[in-house]
Amino acid sequence: MDSPTTTNTTAEENTQDILNTSDAEEYEMIESDDPSDLESFASSVDLEEMIVDPVLDSVDCELSDANDSSDDVLNPEVTPQKRKRPLPDVFSSPATIPIVKWRGKRSSLNRSFPEFNLNTSDDKWKSVDEPDTESQQPVFRPIQKPGPQVVCSASCRPLQYFELFFTNSIIQTIVDNSNAYAANIYGGNKKKWCDISVQEFKSFLAMVIYMGLVKCCSLSDYWKTSDLYRLPLPARIMSARRFSTMSSALHLSDPKVDEENDQKKGMDEYDRLSRIKPLYEDIREACKSSFQPFQNISIDERMVASKARSGLKQYMKNKPTKWGYKLYVLADSSSGYTWDFFVYEGRTISKQGKGIGYESVMALADEKLLGSGYKLYVDNFFTSPELFRDLLSKKIYACGTLRANRIGHSKTPAPPGNIRWFRDDKLLFIEWKDRRDVLMCSTFHKVFSGDTVKRRVKGKPGGRTIEDLPVPAAVLDYNKHMGGVDLSDALIGYYTVLHKTRKWYRSFFYHFVDIAVVNAFILHQHTARQRNQKPMTQKEFREALVSDLAKTGPLYNAAQHDSEEFHLPKYISGHSRIGRRQCRLCTAKTPVMCVMCDAPLCFVPKRECFIDFHKSYKPQKRQDQKTKAVSKENKK
């Protein structure tokens, strides 16, 4: 047995190694939301200095045995000036540790997996010159043919793609719930509130998407009539007061259901996502049913920016959006299509006790809906041997980066491009020396396939030269296919419709609109390419979608409709005999058209179709019927 002096020295070395550990991603949360925090609670120093050096090894042993591949863990911070006390027996096991709110800085604890030794000896690593067994290659068998699962003709408008996600039934549900919510707010005062119709809500969506295209500092700027802010479209769609009223009345769930759910706070039956459930579930189902991903898919986190006071809000230090709501997203790597996602609800009781990283991947990678042979790419927050083995049992192959503290890689200097590897059953672990150490784990790659990458390397005279360095195939494929969620985030970020709001569920509504628009745009792209047509850009797609949504609702209010200021006649071309078109009412040739309606109309003494058209304005379907009737009479 070792002497006490040896034991103390080992404990101090282990403590120093833990303090020097740096993860690729460190998460800083306002509250402890992951069940894995219970396990790392015993190693936390801010619990009034309960850690003592001689017992540190035993605590680490217990944590290693109880580890379930959890990802959000704590890193102990030791302060020598504090008085140390032995760890009490009540904290002898992670299951007995209470939940506390943590308001300090966090990093990651050096953890090991149950089936993989943390202190891997150098003898186990092999060089790139040693032969590697060929890994099993995936046989791609999706449930459906990859690509759009909807039949669209060449003349499909953007509105038809958008309505795959925001169907009439979804819109009707939101309209009914918003009217019920507004009735409670205004107390039945009809002077302050008028019920929303389906067509008016589509006009509201048109304004929301339009505000993502044209950015103004304030909502009121869209309706200003000064020379700097004169925008004709917003006033034609709806008034500023009506838009503000509809925004404040927007509600996704039934107010009665919300009241019943609020009474269950503090109980297991309480649903934290009750206020977004109707739209949340329908959007997820529509995303999965409208598109079948191609072979390469990726899972990553997404942040919806918000600083509202909500228990769902998270703080993530190393993300571009640090404050907001966290979503776990599965996206198609080639197009960025958001196929499935779910909202991270914070502190929940883990179903399997294996951490949010493991369970989020297993929940999103559903082989019953996807099929077999898919190649899944994840980052070091999710990667674990247990996860990859369980995915392999579902015939879903995985590749991802590893955190440096989860594998005993060599810290000795090595030349750039050096590759080391070893296999643990069907898992391949690779260490590649680039500017930094790159650690990978894969279930379908070979160690080295002869690929190279150009890097600047220090030369003999002291300068730098460009050389071709060997690179594992897993690194190249990861860089190529991991960015599916990032591509989706970029497409959303270009013209995001997200507004500042005090209600957390409205932030999700705006994000769901973004998801629907981007997914609809991706479906349009695939359909156009299948027909050898040039697809629209996202900006053109959103512009056309705004126009389509505005036409379905009331285009102009009564004051604008009767005003001659907006509806003025003009010649189609500079000559009255050139460029004539068929009149919208009588189908006769006319050189005159309406400036606002963009409709050719007769304006001669015997045919005053211009006046008749604006006096009897009706929806497009009834107008077409009237045009056909007039044309038949003219033929007679």
Foldseek 3Di string as FASTA:
>chain_A
DDDPVVLLVVLVVLLVVLVPAAWPFWFWWQWAFKLCQLLQVLQACVVQAADDRNCNVVSLVQSQVLAQQAFHYFGHDDDVVGDYHHHDPQSVHSVSGDGDTDHDGGGHGLYEHPVDDLADDPVQKDFPPDDDDAFDAFDDDWPDDFAFPDDDDPPDALQVLLCLQVPLVQLVLQQVQLQQQVCVVVVNPVVLDDRDDSLLVLLLLLVLLVCLVPPDPDLVLCVDCDPVRNDPQVQLLDDSSVSVVSVVSGWRAHVVVVVVLVVQPPHPPRDLCRRQVSSQVSNLVSLQNGGAADQFKEKDKDFQAADADDQQWTATPPDPRGIGWIKIFIFRQPQLAGNHIDTSRGHDDDPVSNHPLLVRVVVVPDCVSTPARHEYEYEQSNDDPVSQVVCVVSRYWYKYWHIPSHHNDDPDDDAAQTKMWHDDVQKIWIWGHHVHTTIMITRRFDFFDPAWDWDWDQDDVRGTDIDTHGDGPSVVVNVRRHCSNVSLVVQCVSRQSADHDNDNSVSVVSVSSSSSLSNSLSSQCSVCVVVVHDGDDSSVSSVSSSVVSSLSHNSRDPVVLPDVVQWDKDFPDPDFVPPWFQALQQGDTGRIDTPRVRGDHHPDPVGNRSVVCSVPPDRPVVSVVNNVVNNVVVVD
